[in-house]
């Protein structure tokens, strides 16, 4: 069995939710699709899907394998596009979206530079904190920060997104420091309001006991001030009104210059990611591929985040 065909079939079934739908898309009978999945699971030695007459559910291994397959298939499509495009120039309209705060700092300033490299492009940027349906609303690519629950999108990791507790020196001089995440209940915490997108709370990792791995916990600290805009929370924190849980891309220069102090570093959770995401497509448009490559190159430059987080 061809490995790429098996991956393509697995992704098609996972995204369409049934063997019949995947079979129609590939113009084969459902039995062929089922046999391909059986052979793939046999080769891998794991169960990827739980199949009943009514629904298909991915196993834990299947979910992880789906993400890897999508990434590999996208990279293969990029390689093919690179060869076939040759000296072709990017043109047309590039429709992009990004979270408001991150987009203002780390996406919008790069667009004029990108267009200088590709002057035949027109670019439209939408900054919004809601999760946009890219395919339904006609967007080519989105930059997203944090976990990616929507497996129907192809994603490329651009950089790490680490979050830390921070406070201004003046606040710590008046109120002291928390020594454990649970201590935050006794401090003024600057939090996103309930209608904002940060739904799980502040993440920390507690040391494991008796050789066990570190335990991830989520807390919802409170305080006298909350806001739906992270930039406002950042400003309040700088002014000494409390402790905030902010992304390193936002506060790195403040930390380097002493305007903010990091707290509870021993309990900081592992970073999640900053991603470029786009709808599943057989051939990724050249303008999107070039934009993603441009972002990876820029975000990977030494000192990029320090220069732009002030």
Protein backbone atom coordinates (compact mmCIF):
# COMPACT_ATOMS: atom_id res chain seq x y z
CA UNK A 1 0.00 0.00 0.00
CA UNK A 2 1.31 3.45 -0.93
CA UNK A 3 2.10 5.34 2.29
CA UNK A 4 1.03 8.74 0.96
CA UNK A 5 -2.26 7.34 -0.35
CA UNK A 6 -2.89 5.73 3.04
CA UNK A 7 -2.24 9.05 4.80
CA UNK A 8 -4.48 10.93 2.37
CA UNK A 9 -7.28 8.41 2.90
CA UNK A 10 -6.92 8.52 6.68
CA UNK A 11 -7.06 12.34 6.67
CA UNK A 12 -10.07 12.32 4.33
CA UNK A 13 -12.00 9.95 6.60
CA UNK A 14 -11.05 11.88 9.75
CA UNK A 15 -12.11 15.24 8.32
CA UNK A 16 -15.28 14.03 6.57
CA UNK A 17 -16.43 11.80 9.41
CA UNK A 18 -17.34 8.71 7.40
CA UNK A 19 -15.92 6.12 5.03
CA UNK A 20 -18.68 6.81 2.52
CA UNK A 21 -17.91 10.54 2.30
CA UNK A 22 -14.19 9.88 1.92
CA UNK A 23 -14.88 7.24 -0.71
CA UNK A 24 -17.00 9.67 -2.74
CA UNK A 25 -14.22 12.26 -2.59
CA UNK A 26 -11.64 9.72 -3.80
CA UNK A 27 -14.06 8.14 -6.31
CA UNK A 28 -13.76 4.62 -4.91
CA UNK A 29 -16.15 2.32 -3.07
CA UNK A 30 -16.26 2.48 0.76
CA UNK A 31 -14.83 -1.03 1.02
CA UNK A 32 -11.58 0.19 -0.56
CA UNK A 33 -11.31 2.99 1.98
CA UNK A 34 -11.99 0.59 4.84
CA UNK A 35 -9.36 -1.84 3.58
CA UNK A 36 -6.77 0.96 3.36
CA UNK A 37 -7.45 1.95 6.96
CA UNK A 38 -7.22 -1.67 8.11
CA UNK A 39 -3.83 -2.08 6.42
CA UNK A 40 -2.59 1.24 7.85
CA UNK A 41 -3.57 0.30 11.41
CA UNK A 42 -2.03 -3.15 10.95
CA UNK A 43 1.23 -1.62 9.73
CA UNK A 44 1.37 0.92 12.59
CA UNK A 45 0.26 -1.57 15.21
CA UNK A 46 -2.27 0.82 16.77
CA UNK A 47 -5.96 1.57 16.47
CA UNK A 48 -6.44 4.96 14.82
CA UNK A 49 -10.24 5.07 14.66
CA UNK A 50 -13.20 3.55 16.43
CA UNK A 51 -15.69 2.79 13.66
CA UNK A 52 -19.40 2.09 14.10
CA UNK A 53 -22.28 2.22 11.64
CA UNK A 54 -23.17 5.72 12.85
CA UNK A 55 -19.92 7.51 13.54
CA UNK A 56 -16.15 7.48 13.48
CA UNK A 57 -14.14 8.59 16.51
CA UNK A 58 -10.40 9.15 16.54
CA UNK A 59 -8.40 7.43 19.26
CA UNK A 60 -5.70 9.34 21.13
CA UNK A 61 -3.12 7.87 18.77
CA UNK A 62 -5.32 8.71 15.81
CA UNK A 63 -5.57 12.37 16.80
CA UNK A 64 -1.80 12.65 17.10
CA UNK A 65 -1.29 10.82 13.80
CA UNK A 66 -3.82 13.08 12.06
CA UNK A 67 -1.84 16.20 13.02
CA UNK A 68 1.39 14.64 11.74
CA UNK A 69 -0.24 13.50 8.49
CA UNK A 70 -1.68 16.94 7.81
CA UNK A 71 1.70 18.55 8.38
CA UNK A 72 3.54 16.05 6.16
CA UNK A 73 1.01 16.29 3.34
CA UNK A 74 1.18 20.08 3.49
CA UNK A 75 4.98 19.99 3.30
CA UNK A 76 4.84 17.65 0.31
CA UNK A 77 2.36 19.96 -1.41
CA UNK A 78 4.69 22.88 -0.69
CA UNK A 79 7.63 21.02 -2.21
CA UNK A 80 5.63 20.21 -5.33
CA UNK A 81 4.40 23.79 -5.60
CA UNK A 82 7.94 25.08 -5.25
CA UNK A 83 9.14 22.94 -8.16
CA UNK A 84 6.15 23.55 -10.39
CA UNK A 85 6.04 27.27 -9.64
CA UNK A 86 9.69 27.73 -10.60
CA UNK A 87 10.21 31.41 -11.16
CA UNK A 88 6.52 32.26 -10.86
CA UNK A 89 5.65 35.45 -8.99
CA UNK A 90 3.09 35.64 -6.24
CA UNK A 91 0.07 37.67 -7.26
CA UNK A 92 -3.59 38.15 -6.44
CA UNK A 93 -5.22 38.95 -3.11
CA UNK A 94 -3.95 37.52 0.17
CA UNK A 95 -6.59 37.54 2.91
CA UNK A 96 -5.17 37.16 6.41
CA UNK A 97 -6.47 37.23 9.96
CA UNK A 98 -4.80 37.31 13.39
CA UNK A 99 -5.69 38.01 17.04
CA UNK A 100 -5.99 41.75 17.67
CA UNK A 101 -3.18 42.27 20.19
CA UNK A 102 -0.70 39.90 18.61
CA UNK A 103 -1.61 41.07 15.12
CA UNK A 104 -1.01 44.73 15.90
CA UNK A 105 2.48 43.99 17.24
CA UNK A 106 3.78 41.08 15.22
CA UNK A 107 1.78 40.71 12.01
CA UNK A 108 0.73 44.15 10.76
CA UNK A 109 4.27 45.67 10.85
CA UNK A 110 5.55 42.83 8.66
CA UNK A 111 2.99 43.14 5.87
CA UNK A 112 4.54 46.20 4.13
CA UNK A 113 7.90 44.41 4.19
CA UNK A 114 6.37 41.27 2.71
CA UNK A 115 4.63 43.23 -0.03
CA UNK A 116 7.90 44.95 -0.97
CA UNK A 117 9.16 41.47 -1.82
CA UNK A 118 5.98 40.63 -3.76
CA UNK A 119 4.61 43.87 -5.23
CA UNK A 120 1.98 42.15 -7.36
CA UNK A 121 0.07 41.12 -4.23
CA UNK A 122 -2.78 42.96 -2.57
CA UNK A 123 -3.15 42.10 1.12
CA UNK A 124 -6.13 42.34 3.46
CA UNK A 125 -5.64 41.87 7.22
CA UNK A 126 -8.47 41.31 9.70
CA UNK A 127 -7.57 41.67 13.38
CA UNK A 128 -10.16 39.95 15.57
CA UNK A 129 -10.13 37.91 18.76
CA UNK A 130 -12.99 35.66 17.67
CA UNK A 131 -12.11 32.36 15.97
CA UNK A 132 -12.85 32.91 12.28
CA UNK A 133 -14.03 30.08 10.01
CA UNK A 134 -11.37 30.47 7.34
CA UNK A 135 -13.04 28.43 4.62
CA UNK A 136 -16.53 29.86 5.17
CA UNK A 137 -15.33 33.47 5.27
CA UNK A 138 -12.79 33.18 2.47
CA UNK A 139 -9.51 33.69 4.33
CA UNK A 140 -6.25 32.26 2.99
CA UNK A 141 -4.37 32.02 6.29
CA UNK A 142 -4.63 32.87 9.98
CA UNK A 143 -2.06 33.35 12.69
CA UNK A 144 -3.29 31.77 15.92
CA UNK A 145 -1.77 31.71 19.38
CA UNK A 146 -2.21 28.78 21.74
CA UNK A 147 -3.97 25.45 21.38
CA UNK A 148 -5.59 24.50 18.07
CA UNK A 149 -8.80 22.57 18.70
CA UNK A 150 -9.95 22.59 15.05
CA UNK A 151 -8.35 19.57 13.37
CA UNK A 152 -9.88 20.43 9.98
CA UNK A 153 -7.17 23.07 9.51
CA UNK A 154 -3.58 22.51 8.46
CA UNK A 155 -1.13 24.17 10.83
CA UNK A 156 2.54 25.17 10.72
CA UNK A 157 4.22 26.03 14.01
CA UNK A 158 5.99 29.38 13.71
CA UNK A 159 7.32 29.92 17.24
CA UNK A 160 6.79 29.03 20.89
CA UNK A 161 4.28 30.93 22.98
CA UNK A 162 5.30 31.00 26.64
CA UNK A 163 3.18 32.65 29.31
CA UNK A 164 4.43 33.96 32.64
CA UNK A 165 3.16 35.69 35.75
CA UNK A 166 4.53 39.23 35.95
CA UNK A 167 4.17 42.29 38.16
CA UNK A 168 5.71 45.74 38.41
CA UNK A 169 8.40 46.27 41.08
CA UNK A 170 6.23 48.87 42.85
CA UNK A 171 3.41 46.34 43.31
CA UNK A 172 5.79 43.73 44.73
CA UNK A 173 7.31 46.26 47.12
CA UNK A 174 3.87 46.95 48.58
CA UNK A 175 2.40 43.44 48.57
CA UNK A 176 5.25 40.93 48.46
CA UNK A 177 5.51 37.91 46.15
CA UNK A 178 3.48 34.72 45.75
CA UNK A 179 5.60 31.62 46.41
CA UNK A 180 3.12 29.05 45.05
CA UNK A 181 0.35 29.33 42.42
CA UNK A 182 -2.28 28.82 45.15
CA UNK A 183 -0.96 32.00 46.84
CA UNK A 184 -2.41 34.06 43.98
CA UNK A 185 -5.77 34.00 45.76
CA UNK A 186 -4.29 36.53 48.22
CA UNK A 187 -3.09 38.98 45.56
CA UNK A 188 -4.68 41.42 43.10
CA UNK A 189 -4.75 39.52 39.82
CA UNK A 190 -5.49 41.25 36.53
CA UNK A 191 -7.61 38.83 34.53
CA UNK A 192 -9.47 38.67 31.27
CA UNK A 193 -13.20 39.15 31.73
CA UNK A 194 -15.52 36.19 31.30
CA UNK A 195 -16.50 37.14 27.73
CA UNK A 196 -12.88 36.97 26.52
CA UNK A 197 -11.33 33.98 24.77
CA UNK A 198 -9.06 32.75 27.61
CA UNK A 199 -11.47 30.17 28.99
CA UNK A 200 -9.29 27.69 30.89
CA UNK A 201 -7.55 30.11 33.23
CA UNK A 202 -3.88 30.48 34.13
CA UNK A 203 -1.75 27.37 33.52
CA UNK A 204 0.96 26.11 35.89
CA UNK A 205 2.93 22.91 36.31
CA UNK A 206 3.40 21.43 39.76
CA UNK A 207 6.45 19.24 40.48
CA UNK A 208 5.69 15.54 40.36
CA UNK A 209 6.05 13.41 43.46
CA UNK A 210 7.74 10.02 43.77
CA UNK A 211 9.17 10.20 40.25
CA UNK A 212 5.86 11.12 38.63
CA UNK A 213 5.78 13.70 35.79
CA UNK A 214 4.87 17.33 36.44
CA UNK A 215 1.16 17.98 36.80
CA UNK A 216 -0.56 20.67 34.72
CA UNK A 217 -3.17 22.70 36.61
CA UNK A 218 -5.37 25.65 35.66
CA UNK A 219 -6.36 28.38 38.12
CA UNK A 220 -8.89 31.19 37.85
CA UNK A 221 -7.54 33.89 40.17
CA UNK A 222 -9.62 36.95 40.86
CA UNK A 223 -9.03 40.60 41.57
CA UNK A 224 -10.59 44.05 41.64
CA UNK A 225 -9.93 44.71 37.93
CA UNK A 226 -10.69 42.67 34.83
CA UNK A 227 -10.93 43.56 31.14
CA UNK A 228 -11.64 41.84 27.82
CA UNK A 229 -8.58 43.52 26.24
CA UNK A 230 -5.16 42.07 27.02
CA UNK A 231 -3.41 45.32 26.14
CA UNK A 232 -5.30 47.06 28.94
CA UNK A 233 -4.24 44.33 31.39
CA UNK A 234 -0.64 44.85 30.29
CA UNK A 235 -0.90 48.62 30.93
CA UNK A 236 -2.49 48.08 34.36
CA UNK A 237 0.29 45.66 35.27
CA UNK A 238 2.99 48.14 34.25
CA UNK A 239 1.26 50.78 36.39
CA UNK A 240 1.53 48.54 39.45
CA UNK A 241 -2.13 47.57 39.88
CA UNK A 242 -1.58 43.82 40.22
CA UNK A 243 -0.22 40.54 38.85
CA UNK A 244 -0.89 39.53 35.25
CA UNK A 245 -0.40 36.32 33.26
CA UNK A 246 0.96 37.48 29.92
CA UNK A 247 2.65 36.04 26.85
CA UNK A 248 6.40 36.46 26.57
CA UNK A 249 6.01 38.07 23.12
CA UNK A 250 4.13 40.89 24.86
CA UNK A 251 6.31 41.51 27.92
CA UNK A 252 9.84 40.33 27.05
CA UNK A 253 11.28 43.82 26.65
CA UNK A 254 9.56 44.97 29.87
CA UNK A 255 11.24 42.10 31.71
CA UNK A 256 14.63 42.79 30.13
CA UNK A 257 14.47 46.47 31.12
CA UNK A 258 13.17 45.85 34.65
CA UNK A 259 9.69 47.32 34.23
CA UNK A 260 8.16 43.92 35.06
CA UNK A 261 9.40 41.06 37.25
CA UNK A 262 8.60 37.41 36.55
CA UNK A 263 6.94 35.38 39.30
CA UNK A 264 6.43 31.66 39.98
CA UNK A 265 9.02 30.73 37.34
CA UNK A 266 9.47 27.25 38.83
CA UNK A 267 5.80 26.55 38.11
CA UNK A 268 5.65 27.96 34.56
CA UNK A 269 3.80 25.66 32.16
CA UNK A 270 5.47 24.39 29.01
CA UNK A 271 4.93 26.69 26.02
CA UNK A 272 2.22 26.12 23.48
CA UNK A 273 2.62 27.51 19.98
CA UNK A 274 2.15 30.36 17.56
CA UNK A 275 0.79 28.88 14.34
CA UNK A 276 -0.05 29.70 10.77
CA UNK A 277 -3.21 27.80 9.87
CA UNK A 278 -5.04 27.42 6.58
CA UNK A 279 -7.84 25.28 5.16
CA UNK A 280 -7.06 21.79 3.90
CA UNK A 281 -6.13 22.14 0.24
CA UNK A 282 -4.51 19.84 -2.29
CA UNK A 283 -2.30 22.63 -3.64
CA UNK A 284 -1.37 25.50 -1.35
CA UNK A 285 -1.35 28.83 -3.25
CA UNK A 286 2.11 30.26 -3.79
CA UNK A 287 1.17 33.51 -2.01
CA UNK A 288 0.25 31.58 1.16
CA UNK A 289 3.36 29.40 1.09
CA UNK A 290 5.60 32.46 0.69
CA UNK A 291 3.81 34.27 3.54
CA UNK A 292 4.22 31.32 5.92
CA UNK A 293 7.91 30.97 5.00
CA UNK A 294 8.37 34.73 5.54
CA UNK A 295 6.80 34.54 9.02
CA UNK A 296 8.93 31.55 10.02
CA UNK A 297 12.08 33.36 8.93
CA UNK A 298 11.18 36.61 10.72
CA UNK A 299 9.97 35.00 13.95
CA UNK A 300 13.10 32.88 14.07
CA UNK A 301 15.48 35.85 13.98
CA UNK A 302 17.49 36.39 17.21
CA UNK A 303 16.06 39.31 19.15
CA UNK A 304 12.84 39.59 17.11
CA UNK A 305 10.50 39.41 20.11
CA UNK A 306 12.57 41.75 22.31
CA UNK A 307 12.61 44.40 19.57
CA UNK A 308 8.86 44.30 19.11
CA UNK A 309 7.46 43.65 22.58
CA UNK A 310 7.93 47.15 23.93
